[in-house]
Every structure is written in C-alpha cells, then in structure tokens.
Amino acid sequence: MSESGQESGFRRVLGRRDALALAFGAMIGWSWVVLSSNWIESAGTAGAIIAFLIGGAIMLVIGLTYAELASALPFAGGEHVYSHRALGAGASFICTWEIYFWLCICSYF
C-alpha cells in the first residue's frame, strides 16, 4: 500500500473473454477478410477453401507444437529456451537472432 492508503499496482480489468479477443485480434488480424476476394478470384471458391483448410491444418500442428513446448519448458524466453535446451548455447544464439530478424521482416514489410 502507498502512503495515501491506496493499493499500488495494476488492477485486473480484463476478463478471460476480453483477453482472448485481444490475443485473437493481434495474432490473426483482419486482413484475411479484405484479401479473401483476391484469393477467390485467383484460386476460385474451391481453391480458396482448400487453401484455408491446408493453412489451418499447418497452423494447428505449429500451435500444438508450441503448446507442448510451453508445457514441457515453462520458463520465460520462448524459442530461445527451447533452442538452448535442444541445441546448446551457440546454436541457440544464432537461432534466436534468426527468429528476431524473421519476425521484423514479416512485421514491417
């Protein structure tokens, strides 16, 4: 408590549903809604649906892999911790910087 008698720190104002909506919006975004007309023109309706299903299956496998890694190694650091445990310090250093640059390129361009 602070000198004024009020609690200092953060208040929990977001519920689970709010946090899920924010995380979903941050990860998925809404550009797929805008670009879907171009995809349907290029690949046709069936091709776009098949592409979405294949992409969803690939993302499901990647998501399950990260879920397993996060439950097996519950430490802060994400991919750096996973690669350090699997490959050692030197390769983990390179891997972590590679992921960082890849994310920068994908995010900004």
PDB file of N, CA and C in Angstrom:
ATOM      1  N   MET A   1       0.830  -1.183   0.000  1.00  0.00           N
ATOM      2  CA  MET A   1       0.000   0.000   0.000  1.00  0.00           C
ATOM      3  C   MET A   1       0.874   1.246   0.000  1.00  0.00           C
ATOM      4  N   SER A   2       0.404   2.266  -0.626  1.00  0.00           N
ATOM      5  CA  SER A   2       1.149   3.517  -0.670  1.00  0.00           C
ATOM      6  C   SER A   2       0.818   4.366   0.556  1.00  0.00           C
ATOM      7  N   GLU A   3       1.468   5.512   0.659  1.00  0.00           N
ATOM      8  CA  GLU A   3       1.274   6.387   1.813  1.00  0.00           C
ATOM      9  C   GLU A   3      -0.152   6.914   1.899  1.00  0.00           C
ATOM     10  N   SER A   4      -0.822   7.064   0.775  1.00  0.00           N
ATOM     11  CA  SER A   4      -2.183   7.598   0.781  1.00  0.00           C
ATOM     12  C   SER A   4      -3.215   6.550   1.167  1.00  0.00           C
ATOM     13  N   GLY A   5      -2.792   5.324   1.393  1.00  0.00           N
ATOM     14  CA  GLY A   5      -3.711   4.272   1.802  1.00  0.00           C
ATOM     15  C   GLY A   5      -4.313   3.498   0.645  1.00  0.00           C
ATOM     16  N   GLN A   6      -3.980   3.855  -0.568  1.00  0.00           N
ATOM     17  CA  GLN A   6      -4.500   3.137  -1.723  1.00  0.00           C
ATOM     18  C   GLN A   6      -3.499   2.081  -2.156  1.00  0.00           C
ATOM     19  N   GLU A   7      -4.040   1.016  -2.699  1.00  0.00           N
ATOM     20  CA  GLU A   7      -3.172  -0.045  -3.206  1.00  0.00           C
ATOM     21  C   GLU A   7      -2.463   0.423  -4.462  1.00  0.00           C
ATOM     22  N   SER A   8      -1.172   0.144  -4.548  1.00  0.00           N
ATOM     23  CA  SER A   8      -0.442   0.475  -5.764  1.00  0.00           C
ATOM     24  C   SER A   8      -0.316  -0.782  -6.606  1.00  0.00           C
ATOM     25  N   GLY A   9      -0.161  -0.607  -7.891  1.00  0.00           N
ATOM     26  CA  GLY A   9      -0.033  -1.745  -8.795  1.00  0.00           C
ATOM     27  C   GLY A   9      -1.157  -1.754  -9.812  1.00  0.00           C
ATOM     28  N   PHE A  10      -1.243  -2.830 -10.530  1.00  0.00           N
ATOM     29  CA  PHE A  10      -2.225  -2.954 -11.597  1.00  0.00           C
ATOM     30  C   PHE A  10      -3.513  -3.571 -11.073  1.00  0.00           C
ATOM     31  N   ARG A  11      -4.615  -3.146 -11.660  1.00  0.00           N
ATOM     32  CA  ARG A  11      -5.907  -3.755 -11.359  1.00  0.00           C
ATOM     33  C   ARG A  11      -6.264  -4.691 -12.497  1.00  0.00           C
ATOM     34  N   ARG A  12      -6.915  -5.782 -12.170  1.00  0.00           N
ATOM     35  CA  ARG A  12      -7.361  -6.723 -13.190  1.00  0.00           C
ATOM     36  C   ARG A  12      -8.716  -6.248 -13.702  1.00  0.00           C
ATOM     37  N   VAL A  13      -8.733  -5.749 -14.937  1.00  0.00           N
ATOM     38  CA  VAL A  13      -9.970  -5.234 -15.503  1.00  0.00           C
ATOM     39  C   VAL A  13     -10.420  -6.041 -16.717  1.00  0.00           C
ATOM     40  N   LEU A  14      -9.543  -6.816 -17.303  1.00  0.00           N
ATOM     41  CA  LEU A  14      -9.909  -7.635 -18.452  1.00  0.00           C
ATOM     42  C   LEU A  14     -10.240  -9.046 -17.993  1.00  0.00           C
ATOM     43  N   GLY A  15     -11.342  -9.552 -18.481  1.00  0.00           N
ATOM     44  CA  GLY A  15     -11.699 -10.933 -18.196  1.00  0.00           C
ATOM     45  C   GLY A  15     -11.051 -11.874 -19.200  1.00  0.00           C
ATOM     46  N   ARG A  16     -11.344 -13.152 -19.056  1.00  0.00           N
ATOM     47  CA  ARG A  16     -10.786 -14.138 -19.990  1.00  0.00           C
ATOM     48  C   ARG A  16     -11.257 -13.892 -21.418  1.00  0.00           C
ATOM     49  N   ARG A  17     -12.519 -13.558 -21.547  1.00  0.00           N
ATOM     50  CA  ARG A  17     -13.075 -13.327 -22.885  1.00  0.00           C
ATOM     51  C   ARG A  17     -12.414 -12.116 -23.548  1.00  0.00           C
ATOM     52  N   ASP A  18     -12.205 -11.060 -22.778  1.00  0.00           N
ATOM     53  CA  ASP A  18     -11.546  -9.859 -23.308  1.00  0.00           C
ATOM     54  C   ASP A  18     -10.116 -10.157 -23.738  1.00  0.00           C
ATOM     55  N   ALA A  19      -9.390 -10.875 -22.887  1.00  0.00           N
ATOM     56  CA  ALA A  19      -8.001 -11.217 -23.215  1.00  0.00           C
ATOM     57  C   ALA A  19      -7.938 -12.107 -24.448  1.00  0.00           C
ATOM     58  N   LEU A  20      -8.868 -13.057 -24.563  1.00  0.00           N
ATOM     59  CA  LEU A  20      -8.906 -13.928 -25.738  1.00  0.00           C
ATOM     60  C   LEU A  20      -9.193 -13.125 -27.003  1.00  0.00           C
ATOM     61  N   ALA A  21     -10.121 -12.195 -26.924  1.00  0.00           N
ATOM     62  CA  ALA A  21     -10.444 -11.374 -28.094  1.00  0.00           C
ATOM     63  C   ALA A  21      -9.253 -10.515 -28.515  1.00  0.00           C
ATOM     64  N   LEU A  22      -8.546  -9.927 -27.553  1.00  0.00           N
ATOM     65  CA  LEU A  22      -7.366  -9.125 -27.880  1.00  0.00           C
ATOM     66  C   LEU A  22      -6.262  -9.984 -28.491  1.00  0.00           C
ATOM     67  N   ALA A  23      -6.029 -11.155 -27.917  1.00  0.00           N
ATOM     68  CA  ALA A  23      -4.985 -12.039 -28.441  1.00  0.00           C
ATOM     69  C   ALA A  23      -5.344 -12.531 -29.835  1.00  0.00           C
ATOM     70  N   PHE A  24      -6.596 -12.894 -30.053  1.00  0.00           N
ATOM     71  CA  PHE A  24      -7.035 -13.360 -31.370  1.00  0.00           C
ATOM     72  C   PHE A  24      -6.869 -12.257 -32.407  1.00  0.00           C
ATOM     73  N   GLY A  25      -7.278 -11.055 -32.064  1.00  0.00           N
ATOM     74  CA  GLY A  25      -7.140  -9.936 -32.988  1.00  0.00           C
ATOM     75  C   GLY A  25      -5.697  -9.601 -33.295  1.00  0.00           C
ATOM     76  N   ALA A  26      -4.829  -9.719 -32.298  1.00  0.00           N
ATOM     77  CA  ALA A  26      -3.417  -9.416 -32.511  1.00  0.00           C
ATOM     78  C   ALA A  26      -2.738 -10.470 -33.367  1.00  0.00           C
ATOM     79  N   MET A  27      -3.105 -11.732 -33.182  1.00  0.00           N
ATOM     80  CA  MET A  27      -2.438 -12.809 -33.923  1.00  0.00           C
ATOM     81  C   MET A  27      -3.034 -13.007 -35.313  1.00  0.00           C
ATOM     82  N   ILE A  28      -4.332 -13.022 -35.404  1.00  0.00           N
ATOM     83  CA  ILE A  28      -4.992 -13.327 -36.672  1.00  0.00           C
ATOM     84  C   ILE A  28      -5.164 -12.071 -37.514  1.00  0.00           C
ATOM     85  N   GLY A  29      -5.601 -11.003 -36.892  1.00  0.00           N
ATOM     86  CA  GLY A  29      -5.830  -9.776 -37.635  1.00  0.00           C
ATOM     87  C   GLY A  29      -7.096  -9.860 -38.475  1.00  0.00           C
ATOM     88  N   TRP A  30      -7.298  -8.876 -39.311  1.00  0.00           N
ATOM     89  CA  TRP A  30      -8.485  -8.892 -40.153  1.00  0.00           C
ATOM     90  C   TRP A  30      -8.153  -8.737 -41.631  1.00  0.00           C
ATOM     91  N   SER A  31      -6.891  -8.754 -41.972  1.00  0.00           N
ATOM     92  CA  SER A  31      -6.527  -8.588 -43.384  1.00  0.00           C
ATOM     93  C   SER A  31      -7.005  -9.756 -44.235  1.00  0.00           C
ATOM     94  N   TRP A  32      -7.179 -10.937 -43.636  1.00  0.00           N
ATOM     95  CA  TRP A  32      -7.671 -12.077 -44.408  1.00  0.00           C
ATOM     96  C   TRP A  32      -9.079 -11.805 -44.929  1.00  0.00           C
ATOM     97  N   VAL A  33      -9.862 -10.987 -44.224  1.00  0.00           N
ATOM     98  CA  VAL A  33     -11.204 -10.648 -44.689  1.00  0.00           C
ATOM     99  C   VAL A  33     -11.105  -9.758 -45.920  1.00  0.00           C
ATOM    100  N   VAL A  34     -10.187  -8.800 -45.893  1.00  0.00           N
ATOM    101  CA  VAL A  34     -10.019  -7.869 -47.005  1.00  0.00           C
ATOM    102  C   VAL A  34      -9.441  -8.580 -48.222  1.00  0.00           C
ATOM    103  N   LEU A  35      -8.478  -9.471 -47.999  1.00  0.00           N
ATOM    104  CA  LEU A  35      -7.788 -10.126 -49.105  1.00  0.00           C
ATOM    105  C   LEU A  35      -8.504 -11.354 -49.652  1.00  0.00           C
ATOM    106  N   SER A  36      -9.537 -11.828 -48.973  1.00  0.00           N
ATOM    107  CA  SER A  36     -10.179 -13.066 -49.420  1.00  0.00           C
ATOM    108  C   SER A  36     -10.802 -12.936 -50.812  1.00  0.00           C
ATOM    109  N   SER A  37     -11.252 -11.756 -51.202  1.00  0.00           N
ATOM    110  CA  SER A  37     -11.817 -11.608 -52.550  1.00  0.00           C
ATOM    111  C   SER A  37     -10.747 -11.822 -53.618  1.00  0.00           C
ATOM    112  N   ASN A  38      -9.529 -11.349 -53.363  1.00  0.00           N
ATOM    113  CA  ASN A  38      -8.432 -11.586 -54.312  1.00  0.00           C
ATOM    114  C   ASN A  38      -8.096 -13.063 -54.400  1.00  0.00           C
ATOM    115  N   TRP A  39      -8.123 -13.744 -53.262  1.00  0.00           N
ATOM    116  CA  TRP A  39      -7.810 -15.178 -53.254  1.00  0.00           C
ATOM    117  C   TRP A  39      -8.873 -15.964 -54.011  1.00  0.00           C
ATOM    118  N   ILE A  40     -10.137 -15.577 -53.852  1.00  0.00           N
ATOM    119  CA  ILE A  40     -11.212 -16.283 -54.546  1.00  0.00           C
ATOM    120  C   ILE A  40     -11.127 -16.031 -56.042  1.00  0.00           C
ATOM    121  N   GLU A  41     -10.765 -14.814 -56.451  1.00  0.00           N
ATOM    122  CA  GLU A  41     -10.581 -14.529 -57.875  1.00  0.00           C
ATOM    123  C   GLU A  41      -9.439 -15.346 -58.460  1.00  0.00           C
ATOM    124  N   SER A  42      -8.355 -15.495 -57.714  1.00  0.00           N
ATOM    125  CA  SER A  42      -7.177 -16.209 -58.212  1.00  0.00           C
ATOM    126  C   SER A  42      -7.371 -17.713 -58.227  1.00  0.00           C
ATOM    127  N   ALA A  43      -7.891 -18.261 -57.135  1.00  0.00           N
ATOM    128  CA  ALA A  43      -7.953 -19.718 -56.995  1.00  0.00           C
ATOM    129  C   ALA A  43      -9.356 -20.279 -57.152  1.00  0.00           C
ATOM    130  N   GLY A  44     -10.350 -19.442 -57.197  1.00  0.00           N
ATOM    131  CA  GLY A  44     -11.712 -19.932 -57.233  1.00  0.00           C
ATOM    132  C   GLY A  44     -12.196 -20.246 -55.822  1.00  0.00           C
ATOM    133  N   THR A  45     -13.490 -20.485 -55.713  1.00  0.00           N
ATOM    134  CA  THR A  45     -14.059 -20.742 -54.391  1.00  0.00           C
ATOM    135  C   THR A  45     -13.495 -22.008 -53.775  1.00  0.00           C
ATOM    136  N   ALA A  46     -13.494 -23.087 -54.535  1.00  0.00           N
ATOM    137  CA  ALA A  46     -12.991 -24.361 -54.004  1.00  0.00           C
ATOM    138  C   ALA A  46     -11.504 -24.274 -53.669  1.00  0.00           C
ATOM    139  N   GLY A  47     -10.733 -23.638 -54.522  1.00  0.00           N
ATOM    140  CA  GLY A  47      -9.303 -23.499 -54.266  1.00  0.00           C
ATOM    141  C   GLY A  47      -9.018 -22.684 -53.017  1.00  0.00           C
ATOM    142  N   ALA A  48      -9.790 -21.605 -52.811  1.00  0.00           N
ATOM    143  CA  ALA A  48      -9.601 -20.785 -51.614  1.00  0.00           C
ATOM    144  C   ALA A  48      -9.972 -21.564 -50.359  1.00  0.00           C
ATOM    145  N   ILE A  49     -11.048 -22.334 -50.419  1.00  0.00           N
ATOM    146  CA  ILE A  49     -11.452 -23.145 -49.262  1.00  0.00           C
ATOM    147  C   ILE A  49     -10.401 -24.199 -48.957  1.00  0.00           C
ATOM    148  N   ILE A  50      -9.900 -24.862 -49.980  1.00  0.00           N
ATOM    149  CA  ILE A  50      -8.860 -25.882 -49.773  1.00  0.00           C
ATOM    150  C   ILE A  50      -7.596 -25.244 -49.204  1.00  0.00           C
ATOM    151  N   ALA A  51      -7.231 -24.077 -49.714  1.00  0.00           N
ATOM    152  CA  ALA A  51      -6.043 -23.385 -49.204  1.00  0.00           C
ATOM    153  C   ALA A  51      -6.216 -23.002 -47.735  1.00  0.00           C
ATOM    154  N   PHE A  52      -7.404 -22.519 -47.367  1.00  0.00           N
ATOM    155  CA  PHE A  52      -7.665 -22.196 -45.966  1.00  0.00           C
ATOM    156  C   PHE A  52      -7.581 -23.438 -45.092  1.00  0.00           C
ATOM    157  N   LEU A  53      -8.117 -24.549 -45.554  1.00  0.00           N
ATOM    158  CA  LEU A  53      -8.072 -25.790 -44.771  1.00  0.00           C
ATOM    159  C   LEU A  53      -6.641 -26.291 -44.601  1.00  0.00           C
ATOM    160  N   ILE A  54      -5.862 -26.253 -45.674  1.00  0.00           N
ATOM    161  CA  ILE A  54      -4.462 -26.690 -45.582  1.00  0.00           C
ATOM    162  C   ILE A  54      -3.676 -25.755 -44.657  1.00  0.00           C
ATOM    163  N   GLY A  55      -3.857 -24.455 -44.828  1.00  0.00           N
ATOM    164  CA  GLY A  55      -3.183 -23.493 -43.952  1.00  0.00           C
ATOM    165  C   GLY A  55      -3.597 -23.654 -42.496  1.00  0.00           C
ATOM    166  N   GLY A  56      -4.881 -23.908 -42.263  1.00  0.00           N
ATOM    167  CA  GLY A  56      -5.358 -24.139 -40.899  1.00  0.00           C
ATOM    168  C   GLY A  56      -4.759 -25.385 -40.285  1.00  0.00           C
ATOM    169  N   ALA A  57      -4.630 -26.456 -41.080  1.00  0.00           N
ATOM    170  CA  ALA A  57      -4.025 -27.692 -40.574  1.00  0.00           C
ATOM    171  C   ALA A  57      -2.555 -27.474 -40.218  1.00  0.00           C
ATOM    172  N   ILE A  58      -1.844 -26.743 -41.058  1.00  0.00           N
ATOM    173  CA  ILE A  58      -0.436 -26.449 -40.768  1.00  0.00           C
ATOM    174  C   ILE A  58      -0.318 -25.621 -39.493  1.00  0.00           C
ATOM    175  N   MET A  59      -1.161 -24.602 -39.349  1.00  0.00           N
ATOM    176  CA  MET A  59      -1.112 -23.764 -38.149  1.00  0.00           C
ATOM    177  C   MET A  59      -1.519 -24.542 -36.905  1.00  0.00           C
ATOM    178  N   LEU A  60      -2.413 -25.504 -37.044  1.00  0.00           N
ATOM    179  CA  LEU A  60      -2.798 -26.345 -35.912  1.00  0.00           C
ATOM    180  C   LEU A  60      -1.614 -27.160 -35.417  1.00  0.00           C
ATOM    181  N   VAL A  61      -0.854 -27.739 -36.337  1.00  0.00           N
ATOM    182  CA  VAL A  61       0.334 -28.511 -35.957  1.00  0.00           C
ATOM    183  C   VAL A  61       1.361 -27.607 -35.275  1.00  0.00           C
ATOM    184  N   ILE A  62       1.584 -26.417 -35.819  1.00  0.00           N
ATOM    185  CA  ILE A  62       2.536 -25.480 -35.212  1.00  0.00           C
ATOM    186  C   ILE A  62       2.061 -25.054 -33.826  1.00  0.00           C
ATOM    187  N   GLY A  63       0.775 -24.755 -33.689  1.00  0.00           N
ATOM    188  CA  GLY A  63       0.231 -24.362 -32.389  1.00  0.00           C
ATOM    189  C   GLY A  63       0.341 -25.463 -31.353  1.00  0.00           C
ATOM    190  N   LEU A  64       0.067 -26.705 -31.760  1.00  0.00           N
ATOM    191  CA  LEU A  64       0.198 -27.827 -30.824  1.00  0.00           C
ATOM    192  C   LEU A  64       1.651 -28.048 -30.420  1.00  0.00           C
ATOM    193  N   THR A  65       2.568 -27.827 -31.347  1.00  0.00           N
ATOM    194  CA  THR A  65       3.991 -27.949 -31.020  1.00  0.00           C
ATOM    195  C   THR A  65       4.394 -26.922 -29.971  1.00  0.00           C
ATOM    196  N   TYR A  66       3.977 -25.675 -30.165  1.00  0.00           N
ATOM    197  CA  TYR A  66       4.284 -24.646 -29.173  1.00  0.00           C
ATOM    198  C   TYR A  66       3.603 -24.935 -27.838  1.00  0.00           C
ATOM    199  N   ALA A  67       2.392 -25.477 -27.855  1.00  0.00           N
ATOM    200  CA  ALA A  67       1.714 -25.820 -26.605  1.00  0.00           C
ATOM    201  C   ALA A  67       2.479 -26.897 -25.848  1.00  0.00           C
ATOM    202  N   GLU A  68       2.969 -27.900 -26.557  1.00  0.00           N
ATOM    203  CA  GLU A  68       3.761 -28.951 -25.914  1.00  0.00           C
ATOM    204  C   GLU A  68       5.066 -28.396 -25.355  1.00  0.00           C
ATOM    205  N   LEU A  69       5.739 -27.560 -26.134  1.00  0.00           N
ATOM    206  CA  LEU A  69       6.993 -26.970 -25.658  1.00  0.00           C
ATOM    207  C   LEU A  69       6.766 -26.076 -24.440  1.00  0.00           C
ATOM    208  N   ALA A  70       5.706 -25.290 -24.466  1.00  0.00           N
ATOM    209  CA  ALA A  70       5.429 -24.395 -23.341  1.00  0.00           C
ATOM    210  C   ALA A  70       5.077 -25.170 -22.080  1.00  0.00           C
ATOM    211  N   SER A  71       4.393 -26.294 -22.221  1.00  0.00           N
ATOM    212  CA  SER A  71       4.070 -27.080 -21.029  1.00  0.00           C
ATOM    213  C   SER A  71       5.274 -27.877 -20.542  1.00  0.00           C
ATOM    214  N   ALA A  72       6.162 -28.281 -21.441  1.00  0.00           N
ATOM    215  CA  ALA A  72       7.349 -29.037 -21.036  1.00  0.00           C
ATOM    216  C   ALA A  72       8.431 -28.132 -20.459  1.00  0.00           C
ATOM    217  N   LEU A  73       8.536 -26.909 -20.972  1.00  0.00           N
ATOM    218  CA  LEU A  73       9.557 -25.954 -20.511  1.00  0.00           C
ATOM    219  C   LEU A  73       8.880 -24.639 -20.117  1.00  0.00           C
ATOM    220  N   PRO A  74       8.262 -24.588 -18.949  1.00  0.00           N
ATOM    221  CA  PRO A  74       7.505 -23.382 -18.557  1.00  0.00           C
ATOM    222  C   PRO A  74       8.397 -22.266 -18.016  1.00  0.00           C
ATOM    223  N   PHE A  75       9.266 -21.747 -18.870  1.00  0.00           N
ATOM    224  CA  PHE A  75      10.179 -20.680 -18.478  1.00  0.00           C
ATOM    225  C   PHE A  75       9.995 -19.497 -19.414  1.00  0.00           C
ATOM    226  N   ALA A  76      10.311 -18.306 -18.926  1.00  0.00           N
ATOM    227  CA  ALA A  76      10.279 -17.124 -19.781  1.00  0.00           C
ATOM    228  C   ALA A  76      11.398 -17.226 -20.806  1.00  0.00           C
ATOM    229  N   GLY A  77      11.135 -16.805 -22.024  1.00  0.00           N
ATOM    230  CA  GLY A  77      12.170 -16.816 -23.051  1.00  0.00           C
ATOM    231  C   GLY A  77      11.732 -17.454 -24.348  1.00  0.00           C
ATOM    232  N   GLY A  78      10.644 -18.204 -24.333  1.00  0.00           N
ATOM    233  CA  GLY A  78      10.085 -18.774 -25.547  1.00  0.00           C
ATOM    234  C   GLY A  78      11.049 -19.599 -26.367  1.00  0.00           C
ATOM    235  N   GLU A  79      11.188 -19.238 -27.644  1.00  0.00           N
ATOM    236  CA  GLU A  79      12.006 -20.017 -28.573  1.00  0.00           C
ATOM    237  C   GLU A  79      13.464 -20.100 -28.148  1.00  0.00           C
ATOM    238  N   HIS A  80      13.959 -19.082 -27.471  1.00  0.00           N
ATOM    239  CA  HIS A  80      15.351 -19.129 -27.012  1.00  0.00           C
ATOM    240  C   HIS A  80      15.544 -20.274 -26.021  1.00  0.00           C
ATOM    241  N   VAL A  81      14.615 -20.438 -25.107  1.00  0.00           N
ATOM    242  CA  VAL A  81      14.712 -21.526 -24.127  1.00  0.00           C
ATOM    243  C   VAL A  81      14.635 -22.872 -24.829  1.00  0.00           C
ATOM    244  N   TYR A  82      13.720 -23.005 -25.783  1.00  0.00           N
ATOM    245  CA  TYR A  82      13.553 -24.281 -26.482  1.00  0.00           C
ATOM    246  C   TYR A  82      14.805 -24.639 -27.278  1.00  0.00           C
ATOM    247  N   SER A  83      15.340 -23.665 -28.017  1.00  0.00           N
ATOM    248  CA  SER A  83      16.526 -23.955 -28.826  1.00  0.00           C
ATOM    249  C   SER A  83      17.769 -24.142 -27.958  1.00  0.00           C
ATOM    250  N   HIS A  84      17.860 -23.443 -26.842  1.00  0.00           N
ATOM    251  CA  HIS A  84      19.003 -23.616 -25.939  1.00  0.00           C
ATOM    252  C   HIS A  84      19.002 -25.017 -25.353  1.00  0.00           C
ATOM    253  N   ARG A  85      17.843 -25.494 -24.993  1.00  0.00           N
ATOM    254  CA  ARG A  85      17.744 -26.849 -24.429  1.00  0.00           C
ATOM    255  C   ARG A  85      18.062 -27.905 -25.486  1.00  0.00           C
ATOM    256  N   ALA A  86      17.644 -27.673 -26.708  1.00  0.00           N
ATOM    257  CA  ALA A  86      17.826 -28.678 -27.762  1.00  0.00           C
ATOM    258  C   ALA A  86      19.195 -28.606 -28.429  1.00  0.00           C
ATOM    259  N   LEU A  87      19.727 -27.391 -28.646  1.00  0.00           N
ATOM    260  CA  LEU A  87      20.909 -27.236 -29.489  1.00  0.00           C
ATOM    261  C   LEU A  87      22.145 -26.708 -28.775  1.00  0.00           C
ATOM    262  N   GLY A  88      21.991 -26.168 -27.579  1.00  0.00           N
ATOM    263  CA  GLY A  88      23.133 -25.594 -26.878  1.00  0.00           C
ATOM    264  C   GLY A  88      23.194 -24.088 -27.048  1.00  0.00           C
ATOM    265  N   ALA A  89      24.168 -23.481 -26.376  1.00  0.00           N
ATOM    266  CA  ALA A  89      24.239 -22.019 -26.300  1.00  0.00           C
ATOM    267  C   ALA A  89      24.556 -21.353 -27.639  1.00  0.00           C
ATOM    268  N   GLY A  90      25.541 -21.858 -28.374  1.00  0.00           N
ATOM    269  CA  GLY A  90      25.945 -21.216 -29.627  1.00  0.00           C
ATOM    270  C   GLY A  90      24.858 -21.244 -30.682  1.00  0.00           C
ATOM    271  N   ALA A  91      24.301 -22.415 -30.917  1.00  0.00           N
ATOM    272  CA  ALA A  91      23.240 -22.533 -31.919  1.00  0.00           C
ATOM    273  C   ALA A  91      21.981 -21.799 -31.475  1.00  0.00           C
ATOM    274  N   SER A  92      21.729 -21.773 -30.184  1.00  0.00           N
ATOM    275  CA  SER A  92      20.566 -21.057 -29.671  1.00  0.00           C
ATOM    276  C   SER A  92      20.697 -19.555 -29.898  1.00  0.00           C
ATOM    277  N   PHE A  93      21.899 -19.026 -29.750  1.00  0.00           N
ATOM    278  CA  PHE A  93      22.143 -17.607 -30.005  1.00  0.00           C
ATOM    279  C   PHE A  93      21.804 -17.265 -31.455  1.00  0.00           C
ATOM    280  N   ILE A  94      22.290 -18.075 -32.382  1.00  0.00           N
ATOM    281  CA  ILE A  94      22.022 -17.852 -33.807  1.00  0.00           C
ATOM    282  C   ILE A  94      20.536 -18.017 -34.101  1.00  0.00           C
ATOM    283  N   CYS A  95      19.938 -19.048 -33.544  1.00  0.00           N
ATOM    284  CA  CYS A  95      18.520 -19.321 -33.770  1.00  0.00           C
ATOM    285  C   CYS A  95      17.643 -18.177 -33.263  1.00  0.00           C
ATOM    286  N   THR A  96      17.954 -17.670 -32.089  1.00  0.00           N
ATOM    287  CA  THR A  96      17.161 -16.585 -31.514  1.00  0.00           C
ATOM    288  C   THR A  96      17.252 -15.320 -32.362  1.00  0.00           C
ATOM    289  N   TRP A  97      18.453 -14.974 -32.826  1.00  0.00           N
ATOM    290  CA  TRP A  97      18.585 -13.798 -33.683  1.00  0.00           C
ATOM    291  C   TRP A  97      17.905 -14.017 -35.028  1.00  0.00           C
ATOM    292  N   GLU A  98      17.952 -15.215 -35.558  1.00  0.00           N
ATOM    293  CA  GLU A  98      17.262 -15.526 -36.817  1.00  0.00           C
ATOM    294  C   GLU A  98      15.756 -15.331 -36.667  1.00  0.00           C
ATOM    295  N   ILE A  99      15.206 -15.818 -35.578  1.00  0.00           N
ATOM    296  CA  ILE A  99      13.772 -15.642 -35.333  1.00  0.00           C
ATOM    297  C   ILE A  99      13.436 -14.162 -35.191  1.00  0.00           C
ATOM    298  N   TYR A 100      14.277 -13.424 -34.482  1.00  0.00           N
ATOM    299  CA  TYR A 100      14.048 -11.992 -34.297  1.00  0.00           C
ATOM    300  C   TYR A 100      14.032 -11.263 -35.643  1.00  0.00           C
ATOM    301  N   PHE A 101      15.022 -11.509 -36.492  1.00  0.00           N
ATOM    302  CA  PHE A 101      15.072 -10.841 -37.796  1.00  0.00           C
ATOM    303  C   PHE A 101      13.919 -11.274 -38.693  1.00  0.00           C
ATOM    304  N   TRP A 102      13.555 -12.555 -38.632  1.00  0.00           N
ATOM    305  CA  TRP A 102      12.433 -13.041 -39.425  1.00  0.00           C
ATOM    306  C   TRP A 102      11.150 -12.339 -39.004  1.00  0.00           C
ATOM    307  N   LEU A 103      10.927 -12.189 -37.704  1.00  0.00           N
ATOM    308  CA  LEU A 103       9.730 -11.503 -37.230  1.00  0.00           C
ATOM    309  C   LEU A 103       9.733 -10.033 -37.626  1.00  0.00           C
ATOM    310  N   CYS A 104      10.902  -9.395 -37.579  1.00  0.00           N
ATOM    311  CA  CYS A 104      10.988  -7.989 -38.001  1.00  0.00           C
ATOM    312  C   CYS A 104      10.648  -7.838 -39.473  1.00  0.00           C
ATOM    313  N   ILE A 105      11.172  -8.717 -40.295  1.00  0.00           N
ATOM    314  CA  ILE A 105      10.909  -8.644 -41.731  1.00  0.00           C
ATOM    315  C   ILE A 105       9.434  -8.890 -42.016  1.00  0.00           C
ATOM    316  N   CYS A 106       8.855  -9.905 -41.392  1.00  0.00           N
ATOM    317  CA  CYS A 106       7.438 -10.210 -41.619  1.00  0.00           C
ATOM    318  C   CYS A 106       6.527  -9.118 -41.077  1.00  0.00           C
ATOM    319  N   SER A 107       6.900  -8.506 -39.975  1.00  0.00           N
ATOM    320  CA  SER A 107       6.050  -7.484 -39.361  1.00  0.00           C
ATOM    321  C   SER A 107       6.088  -6.163 -40.110  1.00  0.00           C
ATOM    322  N   TYR A 108       7.252  -5.769 -40.579  1.00  0.00           N
ATOM    323  CA  TYR A 108       7.405  -4.444 -41.154  1.00  0.00           C
ATOM    324  C   TYR A 108       7.244  -4.398 -42.666  1.00  0.00           C
ATOM    325  N   PHE A 109       7.417  -5.511 -43.333  1.00  0.00           N
ATOM    326  CA  PHE A 109       7.335  -5.498 -44.785  1.00  0.00           C
ATOM    327  C   PHE A 109       6.243  -6.377 -45.197  1.00  0.00           C
TER     328      PHE A 109
END
